[in-house]
Amino acid sequence: MENLIVSVNVVFPLFALMAVGFLLNRIGLLDGRTAEKMNTVTFKAFLPVLIFYNIYRTDVGEIFDARLVLLALALVALLFLVLWLLVPRVEKDYRRRGVLIQGMFRSNFILYGLPVTASLFGEENTGTAAMLVAFVVPLYNVLSVIILEWYASRQIHIKKIAKGIATNPLILGAICGGLFLLLGVRMPQALEDAVQDLSGLATPMAFLVLGASFRFSSLAGNWKALVCAVVVKLAVVPAMLLPVCVAFGYRSLALAALLTMLGAPTAVSSYTMARQLDADSELAGQIVVFTSVCSILTMFFWVFLLRQLALL
């Protein structure tokens, strides 16, 4: 019973924030244009500050685990390559291939990794997830640009990829946090308090916007690809790769971080990237929405299962 209560406590706040955002949109207090502006501010300001602060406040001597980082990066890269081999066998439309691959390997690790870890182990123990975010999120972005560029033009533009990496706010936030951490730079307490307050806005703002952006329309013609993406992203991927993480000896904090990396819904930014690179942005948006909705159940299941097995 205790494990059930903890699992509900982890997942329900995320669902509640999305539900509030959806309700605000339905009653006209948070329309599409406002939600889009809020999403831009969250992506370019609050989320980078959140990543920066969580890396900045960690003790690298205690939480940095090169073996864990290498495992996480290897799992993401392996999943990406396997999907690149398999998806073209079942999807003929080039504009949808890249979207499906991105939707199945790219998790909303930033929004789920830190709050889920904090719910399970406390705010003071989110350093492991934050450190993984610093390495995994840049890889997500690089691989997403590569796959979408490939199916858009059958060419990989190195300059465009490099520019996207160099100007990505989330990557810049991670780099700044890493530099402050490694160089031992400490902010004045007043400034640190302000940064902490700003970082606290990121998660609720992002989930409110996500809820306000839900659209249950235009599903005709996409439902087969959508069901496939949701099942693979939320069920098949964690079912196949979590045992690998356990076999490597990871439990508790590290396993919780890996769980959210593998089992979280598709990243919200995947829709924006698909739209910019002339992929099927409608399908990309639907994957984000439905993996987010279904993750309420699947994240509950994975957290509950791992706690029942005494792994979390």
C-alpha atoms as a PDB file:
ATOM      1  CA  MET A   1       0.000   0.000   0.000  1.00  0.00           C
ATOM      2  CA  GLU A   2       2.872   2.366   0.774  1.00  0.00           C
ATOM      3  CA  ASN A   3       4.329   1.834  -2.693  1.00  0.00           C
ATOM      4  CA  LEU A   4       0.955   2.594  -4.272  1.00  0.00           C
ATOM      5  CA  ILE A   5       0.681   5.870  -2.347  1.00  0.00           C
ATOM      6  CA  VAL A   6       4.206   6.934  -3.308  1.00  0.00           C
ATOM      7  CA  SER A   7       3.557   6.096  -6.970  1.00  0.00           C
ATOM      8  CA  VAL A   8       0.366   8.179  -6.998  1.00  0.00           C
ATOM      9  CA  ASN A   9       2.196  11.067  -5.320  1.00  0.00           C
ATOM     10  CA  VAL A  10       4.833  10.989  -8.070  1.00  0.00           C
ATOM     11  CA  VAL A  11       2.462  11.021 -11.030  1.00  0.00           C
ATOM     12  CA  PHE A  12      -0.651  12.902  -9.903  1.00  0.00           C
ATOM     13  CA  PRO A  13       0.907  16.402  -9.548  1.00  0.00           C
ATOM     14  CA  LEU A  14       2.078  16.240 -13.171  1.00  0.00           C
ATOM     15  CA  PHE A  15      -1.370  15.173 -14.317  1.00  0.00           C
ATOM     16  CA  ALA A  16      -3.017  17.907 -12.220  1.00  0.00           C
ATOM     17  CA  LEU A  17      -0.874  20.624 -13.806  1.00  0.00           C
ATOM     18  CA  MET A  18      -1.746  19.419 -17.317  1.00  0.00           C
ATOM     19  CA  ALA A  19      -5.431  19.188 -16.378  1.00  0.00           C
ATOM     20  CA  VAL A  20      -5.404  22.766 -15.075  1.00  0.00           C
ATOM     21  CA  GLY A  21      -3.768  23.966 -18.279  1.00  0.00           C
ATOM     22  CA  PHE A  22      -6.373  22.136 -20.369  1.00  0.00           C
ATOM     23  CA  LEU A  23      -9.187  23.614 -18.276  1.00  0.00           C
ATOM     24  CA  LEU A  24      -7.796  27.146 -18.532  1.00  0.00           C
ATOM     25  CA  ASN A  25      -7.698  26.749 -22.306  1.00  0.00           C
ATOM     26  CA  ARG A  26     -11.267  25.448 -22.447  1.00  0.00           C
ATOM     27  CA  ILE A  27     -12.651  28.398 -20.470  1.00  0.00           C
ATOM     28  CA  GLY A  28     -10.678  30.920 -22.522  1.00  0.00           C
ATOM     29  CA  LEU A  29      -8.146  32.078 -19.935  1.00  0.00           C
ATOM     30  CA  LEU A  30      -5.188  30.509 -21.731  1.00  0.00           C
ATOM     31  CA  ASP A  31      -5.666  30.649 -25.486  1.00  0.00           C
ATOM     32  CA  GLY A  32      -3.374  29.197 -28.129  1.00  0.00           C
ATOM     33  CA  ARG A  33      -1.412  32.394 -28.774  1.00  0.00           C
ATOM     34  CA  THR A  34      -0.776  32.976 -25.072  1.00  0.00           C
ATOM     35  CA  ALA A  35       0.215  29.338 -24.582  1.00  0.00           C
ATOM     36  CA  GLU A  36       2.661  29.599 -27.468  1.00  0.00           C
ATOM     37  CA  LYS A  37       4.293  32.679 -25.944  1.00  0.00           C
ATOM     38  CA  MET A  38       4.449  31.008 -22.533  1.00  0.00           C
ATOM     39  CA  ASN A  39       6.020  27.953 -24.149  1.00  0.00           C
ATOM     40  CA  THR A  40       8.672  30.133 -25.792  1.00  0.00           C
ATOM     41  CA  VAL A  41       9.506  31.841 -22.498  1.00  0.00           C
ATOM     42  CA  THR A  42       9.640  28.493 -20.709  1.00  0.00           C
ATOM     43  CA  PHE A  43      11.885  26.956 -23.350  1.00  0.00           C
ATOM     44  CA  LYS A  44      14.248  29.915 -23.677  1.00  0.00           C
ATOM     45  CA  ALA A  45      14.330  31.132 -20.066  1.00  0.00           C
ATOM     46  CA  PHE A  46      12.866  28.988 -17.299  1.00  0.00           C
ATOM     47  CA  LEU A  47      14.004  25.534 -18.450  1.00  0.00           C
ATOM     48  CA  PRO A  48      17.618  26.611 -19.084  1.00  0.00           C
ATOM     49  CA  VAL A  49      17.674  28.221 -15.627  1.00  0.00           C
ATOM     50  CA  LEU A  50      16.247  25.028 -14.117  1.00  0.00           C
ATOM     51  CA  ILE A  51      18.945  22.890 -15.751  1.00  0.00           C
ATOM     52  CA  PHE A  52      21.650  25.376 -14.805  1.00  0.00           C
ATOM     53  CA  TYR A  53      20.560  25.539 -11.167  1.00  0.00           C
ATOM     54  CA  ASN A  54      20.206  21.789 -10.696  1.00  0.00           C
ATOM     55  CA  ILE A  55      23.688  21.173 -12.084  1.00  0.00           C
ATOM     56  CA  TYR A  56      25.156  24.187 -10.261  1.00  0.00           C
ATOM     57  CA  ARG A  57      23.965  23.011  -6.852  1.00  0.00           C
ATOM     58  CA  THR A  58      25.173  19.399  -7.148  1.00  0.00           C
ATOM     59  CA  ASP A  59      28.321  17.984  -5.576  1.00  0.00           C
ATOM     60  CA  VAL A  60      30.186  16.522  -8.540  1.00  0.00           C
ATOM     61  CA  GLY A  61      32.375  14.435  -6.257  1.00  0.00           C
ATOM     62  CA  GLU A  62      29.314  12.686  -4.844  1.00  0.00           C
ATOM     63  CA  ILE A  63      26.990  12.311  -7.817  1.00  0.00           C
ATOM     64  CA  PHE A  64      29.118  12.178 -10.972  1.00  0.00           C
ATOM     65  CA  ASP A  65      29.300   8.631 -12.262  1.00  0.00           C
ATOM     66  CA  ALA A  66      31.127   8.263 -15.573  1.00  0.00           C
ATOM     67  CA  ARG A  67      29.893   4.689 -15.923  1.00  0.00           C
ATOM     68  CA  LEU A  68      26.272   5.806 -15.484  1.00  0.00           C
ATOM     69  CA  VAL A  69      26.687   8.633 -18.003  1.00  0.00           C
ATOM     70  CA  LEU A  70      28.242   6.291 -20.566  1.00  0.00           C
ATOM     71  CA  LEU A  71      25.462   3.754 -20.057  1.00  0.00           C
ATOM     72  CA  ALA A  72      22.773   6.421 -20.535  1.00  0.00           C
ATOM     73  CA  LEU A  73      24.390   7.775 -23.701  1.00  0.00           C
ATOM     74  CA  ALA A  74      24.928   4.267 -25.065  1.00  0.00           C
ATOM     75  CA  LEU A  75      21.290   3.315 -24.473  1.00  0.00           C
ATOM     76  CA  VAL A  76      20.022   6.452 -26.245  1.00  0.00           C
ATOM     77  CA  ALA A  77      22.379   5.953 -29.196  1.00  0.00           C
ATOM     78  CA  LEU A  78      21.544   2.250 -29.477  1.00  0.00           C
ATOM     79  CA  LEU A  79      17.802   2.928 -29.360  1.00  0.00           C
ATOM     80  CA  PHE A  80      18.191   5.613 -32.029  1.00  0.00           C
ATOM     81  CA  LEU A  81      20.083   3.297 -34.384  1.00  0.00           C
ATOM     82  CA  VAL A  82      17.665   0.391 -33.905  1.00  0.00           C
ATOM     83  CA  LEU A  83      14.696   2.653 -34.644  1.00  0.00           C
ATOM     84  CA  TRP A  84      16.465   4.085 -37.703  1.00  0.00           C
ATOM     85  CA  LEU A  85      16.764   0.527 -39.020  1.00  0.00           C
ATOM     86  CA  LEU A  86      13.231  -0.630 -38.153  1.00  0.00           C
ATOM     87  CA  VAL A  87      10.910   2.344 -38.726  1.00  0.00           C
ATOM     88  CA  PRO A  88      11.542   2.640 -42.512  1.00  0.00           C
ATOM     89  CA  ARG A  89      10.382  -0.986 -42.842  1.00  0.00           C
ATOM     90  CA  VAL A  90       6.882  -0.113 -41.606  1.00  0.00           C
ATOM     91  CA  GLU A  91       6.492   3.568 -42.575  1.00  0.00           C
ATOM     92  CA  LYS A  92       6.752   4.603 -46.232  1.00  0.00           C
ATOM     93  CA  ASP A  93       6.199   8.367 -45.856  1.00  0.00           C
ATOM     94  CA  TYR A  94       9.584  10.099 -45.485  1.00  0.00           C
ATOM     95  CA  ARG A  95       8.100  13.076 -43.624  1.00  0.00           C
ATOM     96  CA  ARG A  96       6.722  10.712 -40.975  1.00  0.00           C
ATOM     97  CA  ARG A  97       9.748   8.444 -40.594  1.00  0.00           C
ATOM     98  CA  GLY A  98      11.897  11.020 -38.822  1.00  0.00           C
ATOM     99  CA  VAL A  99       8.976  12.105 -36.636  1.00  0.00           C
ATOM    100  CA  LEU A 100       8.299   8.523 -35.525  1.00  0.00           C
ATOM    101  CA  ILE A 101      11.952   7.833 -34.757  1.00  0.00           C
ATOM    102  CA  GLN A 102      12.254  11.061 -32.772  1.00  0.00           C
ATOM    103  CA  GLY A 103       8.967  10.412 -30.982  1.00  0.00           C
ATOM    104  CA  MET A 104      10.120   6.976 -29.821  1.00  0.00           C
ATOM    105  CA  PHE A 105      13.638   7.758 -28.601  1.00  0.00           C
ATOM    106  CA  ARG A 106      13.455  11.361 -27.367  1.00  0.00           C
ATOM    107  CA  SER A 107      12.048  11.677 -23.852  1.00  0.00           C
ATOM    108  CA  ASN A 108      10.815  14.707 -21.973  1.00  0.00           C
ATOM    109  CA  PHE A 109      13.647  13.994 -19.553  1.00  0.00           C
ATOM    110  CA  ILE A 110      13.969  17.576 -18.328  1.00  0.00           C
ATOM    111  CA  LEU A 111      10.374  17.902 -17.169  1.00  0.00           C
ATOM    112  CA  TYR A 112       9.959  14.385 -15.821  1.00  0.00           C
ATOM    113  CA  GLY A 113      13.437  13.456 -14.593  1.00  0.00           C
ATOM    114  CA  LEU A 114      13.778  16.116 -11.932  1.00  0.00           C
ATOM    115  CA  PRO A 115      10.208  16.163 -10.520  1.00  0.00           C
ATOM    116  CA  VAL A 116       9.890  12.364 -10.452  1.00  0.00           C
ATOM    117  CA  THR A 117      13.262  12.006  -8.727  1.00  0.00           C
ATOM    118  CA  ALA A 118      12.371  14.774  -6.290  1.00  0.00           C
ATOM    119  CA  SER A 119       9.016  13.150  -5.504  1.00  0.00           C
ATOM    120  CA  LEU A 120      10.686   9.825  -4.767  1.00  0.00           C
ATOM    121  CA  PHE A 121      13.818  10.956  -2.935  1.00  0.00           C
ATOM    122  CA  GLY A 122      13.430  14.665  -2.100  1.00  0.00           C
ATOM    123  CA  GLU A 123      14.516  17.915  -3.758  1.00  0.00           C
ATOM    124  CA  GLU A 124      18.030  17.575  -2.369  1.00  0.00           C
ATOM    125  CA  ASN A 125      18.611  14.333  -4.296  1.00  0.00           C
ATOM    126  CA  THR A 126      17.954  15.432  -7.875  1.00  0.00           C
ATOM    127  CA  GLY A 127      21.629  15.873  -8.717  1.00  0.00           C
ATOM    128  CA  THR A 128      21.996  12.521 -10.485  1.00  0.00           C
ATOM    129  CA  ALA A 129      19.060  13.230 -12.792  1.00  0.00           C
ATOM    130  CA  ALA A 130      20.321  16.779 -13.412  1.00  0.00           C
ATOM    131  CA  MET A 131      23.789  15.512 -14.310  1.00  0.00           C
ATOM    132  CA  LEU A 132      22.348  12.994 -16.763  1.00  0.00           C
ATOM    133  CA  VAL A 133      20.214  15.745 -18.283  1.00  0.00           C
ATOM    134  CA  ALA A 134      23.402  17.707 -18.988  1.00  0.00           C
ATOM    135  CA  PHE A 135      24.713  14.876 -21.145  1.00  0.00           C
ATOM    136  CA  VAL A 136      21.576  13.257 -22.545  1.00  0.00           C
ATOM    137  CA  VAL A 137      19.645  16.363 -23.661  1.00  0.00           C
ATOM    138  CA  PRO A 138      22.414  17.577 -26.018  1.00  0.00           C
ATOM    139  CA  LEU A 139      22.534  14.082 -27.537  1.00  0.00           C
ATOM    140  CA  TYR A 140      18.753  14.118 -27.995  1.00  0.00           C
ATOM    141  CA  ASN A 141      18.981  17.402 -29.859  1.00  0.00           C
ATOM    142  CA  VAL A 142      21.867  16.339 -32.092  1.00  0.00           C
ATOM    143  CA  LEU A 143      20.264  13.025 -33.047  1.00  0.00           C
ATOM    144  CA  SER A 144      16.866  14.669 -33.654  1.00  0.00           C
ATOM    145  CA  VAL A 145      18.333  17.230 -36.021  1.00  0.00           C
ATOM    146  CA  ILE A 146      20.271  14.503 -37.845  1.00  0.00           C
ATOM    147  CA  ILE A 147      17.262  12.236 -38.405  1.00  0.00           C
ATOM    148  CA  LEU A 148      14.867  15.014 -39.409  1.00  0.00           C
ATOM    149  CA  GLU A 149      17.420  16.582 -41.755  1.00  0.00           C
ATOM    150  CA  TRP A 150      18.106  13.185 -43.325  1.00  0.00           C
ATOM    151  CA  TYR A 151      14.469  12.494 -44.163  1.00  0.00           C
ATOM    152  CA  ALA A 152      13.835  16.089 -45.227  1.00  0.00           C
ATOM    153  CA  SER A 153      16.655  16.275 -47.787  1.00  0.00           C
ATOM    154  CA  ARG A 154      18.543  12.957 -47.581  1.00  0.00           C
ATOM    155  CA  GLN A 155      21.557  15.040 -46.555  1.00  0.00           C
ATOM    156  CA  ILE A 156      23.121  15.958 -43.237  1.00  0.00           C
ATOM    157  CA  HIS A 157      24.044  19.654 -43.026  1.00  0.00           C
ATOM    158  CA  ILE A 158      26.904  19.896 -40.543  1.00  0.00           C
ATOM    159  CA  LYS A 159      26.753  23.706 -40.278  1.00  0.00           C
ATOM    160  CA  LYS A 160      23.034  23.706 -39.510  1.00  0.00           C
ATOM    161  CA  ILE A 161      23.453  21.006 -36.884  1.00  0.00           C
ATOM    162  CA  ALA A 162      26.369  22.830 -35.273  1.00  0.00           C
ATOM    163  CA  LYS A 163      24.408  26.098 -35.189  1.00  0.00           C
ATOM    164  CA  GLY A 164      21.412  24.355 -33.644  1.00  0.00           C
ATOM    165  CA  ILE A 165      23.590  22.877 -30.915  1.00  0.00           C
ATOM    166  CA  ALA A 166      25.429  26.134 -30.236  1.00  0.00           C
ATOM    167  CA  THR A 167      22.227  28.164 -29.903  1.00  0.00           C
ATOM    168  CA  ASN A 168      19.999  25.671 -28.066  1.00  0.00           C
ATOM    169  CA  PRO A 169      18.969  27.284 -24.736  1.00  0.00           C
ATOM    170  CA  LEU A 170      18.791  23.953 -22.905  1.00  0.00           C
ATOM    171  CA  ILE A 171      22.289  22.983 -23.962  1.00  0.00           C
ATOM    172  CA  LEU A 172      23.604  26.430 -23.042  1.00  0.00           C
ATOM    173  CA  GLY A 173      22.004  26.147 -19.601  1.00  0.00           C
ATOM    174  CA  ALA A 174      23.632  22.759 -19.064  1.00  0.00           C
ATOM    175  CA  ILE A 175      27.028  24.033 -20.215  1.00  0.00           C
ATOM    176  CA  CYS A 176      26.863  27.081 -17.935  1.00  0.00           C
ATOM    177  CA  GLY A 177      25.830  24.948 -14.977  1.00  0.00           C
ATOM    178  CA  GLY A 178      28.653  22.514 -15.690  1.00  0.00           C
ATOM    179  CA  LEU A 179      31.217  25.315 -15.929  1.00  0.00           C
ATOM    180  CA  PHE A 180      30.094  26.891 -12.647  1.00  0.00           C
ATOM    181  CA  LEU A 181      30.188  23.482 -10.990  1.00  0.00           C
ATOM    182  CA  LEU A 182      33.571  22.355 -12.293  1.00  0.00           C
ATOM    183  CA  LEU A 183      35.244  25.741 -11.746  1.00  0.00           C
ATOM    184  CA  GLY A 184      33.796  26.093  -8.244  1.00  0.00           C
ATOM    185  CA  VAL A 185      32.134  29.439  -9.024  1.00  0.00           C
ATOM    186  CA  ARG A 186      29.543  30.402  -6.417  1.00  0.00           C
ATOM    187  CA  MET A 187      26.916  33.103  -6.832  1.00  0.00           C
ATOM    188  CA  PRO A 188      26.100  35.639  -4.109  1.00  0.00           C
ATOM    189  CA  GLN A 189      23.293  34.311  -1.925  1.00  0.00           C
ATOM    190  CA  ALA A 190      20.812  36.963  -3.099  1.00  0.00           C
ATOM    191  CA  LEU A 191      21.434  36.064  -6.750  1.00  0.00           C
ATOM    192  CA  GLU A 192      21.296  32.347  -6.017  1.00  0.00           C
ATOM    193  CA  ASP A 193      17.920  32.785  -4.316  1.00  0.00           C
ATOM    194  CA  ALA A 194      16.603  34.620  -7.387  1.00  0.00           C
ATOM    195  CA  VAL A 195      17.874  31.875  -9.703  1.00  0.00           C
ATOM    196  CA  GLN A 196      16.249  29.261  -7.492  1.00  0.00           C
ATOM    197  CA  ASP A 197      12.917  31.082  -7.660  1.00  0.00           C
ATOM    198  CA  LEU A 198      13.135  31.312 -11.458  1.00  0.00           C
ATOM    199  CA  SER A 199      13.998  27.625 -11.755  1.00  0.00           C
ATOM    200  CA  GLY A 200      10.924  26.771  -9.705  1.00  0.00           C
ATOM    201  CA  LEU A 201       8.705  28.266 -12.412  1.00  0.00           C
ATOM    202  CA  ALA A 202       9.886  25.910 -15.143  1.00  0.00           C
ATOM    203  CA  THR A 203       8.055  22.681 -14.316  1.00  0.00           C
ATOM    204  CA  PRO A 204       4.590  24.075 -13.488  1.00  0.00           C
ATOM    205  CA  MET A 205       4.734  26.499 -16.424  1.00  0.00           C
ATOM    206  CA  ALA A 206       5.742  23.791 -18.903  1.00  0.00           C
ATOM    207  CA  PHE A 207       3.013  21.394 -17.790  1.00  0.00           C
ATOM    208  CA  LEU A 208       0.360  24.114 -17.813  1.00  0.00           C
ATOM    209  CA  VAL A 209       1.301  25.003 -21.387  1.00  0.00           C
ATOM    210  CA  LEU A 210       1.345  21.340 -22.353  1.00  0.00           C
ATOM    211  CA  GLY A 211      -2.151  20.886 -20.989  1.00  0.00           C
ATOM    212  CA  ALA A 212      -3.384  24.014 -22.746  1.00  0.00           C
ATOM    213  CA  SER A 213      -1.977  22.694 -26.043  1.00  0.00           C
ATOM    214  CA  PHE A 214      -3.888  19.385 -26.020  1.00  0.00           C
ATOM    215  CA  ARG A 215      -5.902  18.852 -29.212  1.00  0.00           C
ATOM    216  CA  PHE A 216      -7.867  15.640 -29.748  1.00  0.00           C
ATOM    217  CA  SER A 217      -8.575  16.243 -33.400  1.00  0.00           C
ATOM    218  CA  SER A 218      -7.133  15.431 -36.821  1.00  0.00           C
ATOM    219  CA  LEU A 219      -6.444  11.841 -35.799  1.00  0.00           C
ATOM    220  CA  ALA A 220      -7.798  10.272 -38.988  1.00  0.00           C
ATOM    221  CA  GLY A 221      -4.964   8.743 -40.946  1.00  0.00           C
ATOM    222  CA  ASN A 222      -2.509   9.008 -38.055  1.00  0.00           C
ATOM    223  CA  TRP A 223      -3.936   6.612 -35.489  1.00  0.00           C
ATOM    224  CA  LYS A 224      -1.878   3.557 -36.508  1.00  0.00           C
ATOM    225  CA  ALA A 225       1.412   5.448 -36.389  1.00  0.00           C
ATOM    226  CA  LEU A 226       0.300   7.195 -33.198  1.00  0.00           C
ATOM    227  CA  VAL A 227      -0.581   3.973 -31.378  1.00  0.00           C
ATOM    228  CA  CYS A 228       2.716   2.432 -32.481  1.00  0.00           C
ATOM    229  CA  ALA A 229       4.696   5.426 -31.208  1.00  0.00           C
ATOM    230  CA  VAL A 230       2.895   5.516 -27.850  1.00  0.00           C
ATOM    231  CA  VAL A 231       3.267   1.789 -27.193  1.00  0.00           C
ATOM    232  CA  VAL A 232       6.928   1.680 -28.179  1.00  0.00           C
ATOM    233  CA  LYS A 233       7.858   4.866 -26.307  1.00  0.00           C
ATOM    234  CA  LEU A 234       6.086   4.151 -23.026  1.00  0.00           C
ATOM    235  CA  ALA A 235       6.010   0.345 -22.830  1.00  0.00           C
ATOM    236  CA  VAL A 236       8.440  -1.420 -25.157  1.00  0.00           C
ATOM    237  CA  VAL A 237      11.476   0.818 -24.624  1.00  0.00           C
ATOM    238  CA  PRO A 238      11.456   0.736 -20.786  1.00  0.00           C
ATOM    239  CA  ALA A 239      10.529  -2.974 -20.773  1.00  0.00           C
ATOM    240  CA  MET A 240      13.544  -3.781 -22.951  1.00  0.00           C
ATOM    241  CA  LEU A 241      16.115  -1.399 -21.476  1.00  0.00           C
ATOM    242  CA  LEU A 242      15.310  -1.129 -17.754  1.00  0.00           C
ATOM    243  CA  PRO A 243      16.467  -4.735 -17.174  1.00  0.00           C
ATOM    244  CA  VAL A 244      19.772  -3.748 -18.764  1.00  0.00           C
ATOM    245  CA  CYS A 245      20.111  -0.898 -16.252  1.00  0.00           C
ATOM    246  CA  VAL A 246      19.317  -3.260 -13.378  1.00  0.00           C
ATOM    247  CA  ALA A 247      21.830  -5.804 -14.738  1.00  0.00           C
ATOM    248  CA  PHE A 248      24.493  -3.075 -14.579  1.00  0.00           C
ATOM    249  CA  GLY A 249      23.744  -2.791 -10.860  1.00  0.00           C
ATOM    250  CA  TYR A 250      21.831   0.494 -10.760  1.00  0.00           C
ATOM    251  CA  ARG A 251      19.194   1.022  -8.098  1.00  0.00           C
ATOM    252  CA  SER A 252      17.520   3.877  -6.203  1.00  0.00           C
ATOM    253  CA  LEU A 253      18.455   7.383  -7.447  1.00  0.00           C
ATOM    254  CA  ALA A 254      20.331   6.241 -10.541  1.00  0.00           C
ATOM    255  CA  LEU A 255      17.595   3.832 -11.609  1.00  0.00           C
ATOM    256  CA  ALA A 256      14.923   6.511 -11.088  1.00  0.00           C
ATOM    257  CA  ALA A 257      16.866   8.843 -13.389  1.00  0.00           C
ATOM    258  CA  LEU A 258      17.257   6.102 -16.000  1.00  0.00           C
ATOM    259  CA  LEU A 259      13.556   5.237 -15.696  1.00  0.00           C
ATOM    260  CA  THR A 260      12.485   8.777 -16.532  1.00  0.00           C
ATOM    261  CA  MET A 261      15.041   8.953 -19.344  1.00  0.00           C
ATOM    262  CA  LEU A 262      13.573   5.805 -20.905  1.00  0.00           C
ATOM    263  CA  GLY A 263       9.921   5.932 -19.883  1.00  0.00           C
ATOM    264  CA  ALA A 264       8.984   9.618 -19.939  1.00  0.00           C
ATOM    265  CA  PRO A 265       6.743  10.895 -22.770  1.00  0.00           C
ATOM    266  CA  THR A 266       8.102  12.459 -25.935  1.00  0.00           C
ATOM    267  CA  ALA A 267       9.750  15.865 -25.496  1.00  0.00           C
ATOM    268  CA  VAL A 268       7.538  18.863 -26.210  1.00  0.00           C
ATOM    269  CA  SER A 269      10.312  20.476 -28.264  1.00  0.00           C
ATOM    270  CA  SER A 270      10.128  17.622 -30.793  1.00  0.00           C
ATOM    271  CA  TYR A 271       7.023  19.245 -32.279  1.00  0.00           C
ATOM    272  CA  THR A 272       8.775  22.571 -32.791  1.00  0.00           C
ATOM    273  CA  MET A 273      11.795  20.894 -34.374  1.00  0.00           C
ATOM    274  CA  ALA A 274       9.626  18.817 -36.706  1.00  0.00           C
ATOM    275  CA  ARG A 275       7.826  21.950 -37.844  1.00  0.00           C
ATOM    276  CA  GLN A 276      11.065  23.829 -38.491  1.00  0.00           C
ATOM    277  CA  LEU A 277      12.558  20.973 -40.527  1.00  0.00           C
ATOM    278  CA  ASP A 278       9.490  20.335 -42.702  1.00  0.00           C
ATOM    279  CA  ALA A 279       8.561  17.004 -41.165  1.00  0.00           C
ATOM    280  CA  ASP A 280       5.030  15.865 -40.287  1.00  0.00           C
ATOM    281  CA  SER A 281       4.527  18.299 -37.419  1.00  0.00           C
ATOM    282  CA  GLU A 282       0.877  17.307 -36.958  1.00  0.00           C
ATOM    283  CA  LEU A 283       1.880  13.720 -36.152  1.00  0.00           C
ATOM    284  CA  ALA A 284       4.740  15.014 -33.988  1.00  0.00           C
ATOM    285  CA  GLY A 285       2.320  17.102 -31.927  1.00  0.00           C
ATOM    286  CA  GLN A 286      -0.091  14.211 -31.515  1.00  0.00           C
ATOM    287  CA  ILE A 287       2.718  11.945 -30.303  1.00  0.00           C
ATOM    288  CA  VAL A 288       3.667  14.532 -27.679  1.00  0.00           C
ATOM    289  CA  VAL A 289       0.073  14.891 -26.508  1.00  0.00           C
ATOM    290  CA  PHE A 290      -0.822  11.218 -26.320  1.00  0.00           C
ATOM    291  CA  THR A 291       2.445  10.008 -24.827  1.00  0.00           C
ATOM    292  CA  SER A 292       2.018  12.731 -22.191  1.00  0.00           C
ATOM    293  CA  VAL A 293      -1.544  11.640 -21.403  1.00  0.00           C
ATOM    294  CA  CYS A 294      -0.778   7.908 -21.407  1.00  0.00           C
ATOM    295  CA  SER A 295       2.380   8.400 -19.345  1.00  0.00           C
ATOM    296  CA  ILE A 296       0.149   9.200 -16.372  1.00  0.00           C
ATOM    297  CA  LEU A 297      -0.653   5.486 -16.293  1.00  0.00           C
ATOM    298  CA  THR A 298       2.637   4.051 -17.528  1.00  0.00           C
ATOM    299  CA  MET A 299       4.880   6.086 -15.223  1.00  0.00           C
ATOM    300  CA  PHE A 300       2.655   5.070 -12.332  1.00  0.00           C
ATOM    301  CA  PHE A 301       3.058   1.432 -13.404  1.00  0.00           C
ATOM    302  CA  TRP A 302       6.853   1.570 -13.734  1.00  0.00           C
ATOM    303  CA  VAL A 303       7.356   3.414 -10.444  1.00  0.00           C
ATOM    304  CA  PHE A 304       4.996   1.068  -8.637  1.00  0.00           C
ATOM    305  CA  LEU A 305       6.589  -2.047 -10.184  1.00  0.00           C
ATOM    306  CA  LEU A 306      10.154  -0.986  -9.365  1.00  0.00           C
ATOM    307  CA  ARG A 307       9.201  -0.137  -5.794  1.00  0.00           C
ATOM    308  CA  GLN A 308       7.453  -3.494  -5.398  1.00  0.00           C
ATOM    309  CA  LEU A 309      10.670  -5.149  -6.583  1.00  0.00           C
ATOM    310  CA  ALA A 310      12.635  -3.063  -4.033  1.00  0.00           C
ATOM    311  CA  LEU A 311      14.663  -1.429  -6.815  1.00  0.00           C
ATOM    312  CA  LEU A 312      13.608   2.158  -6.041  1.00  0.00           C
END
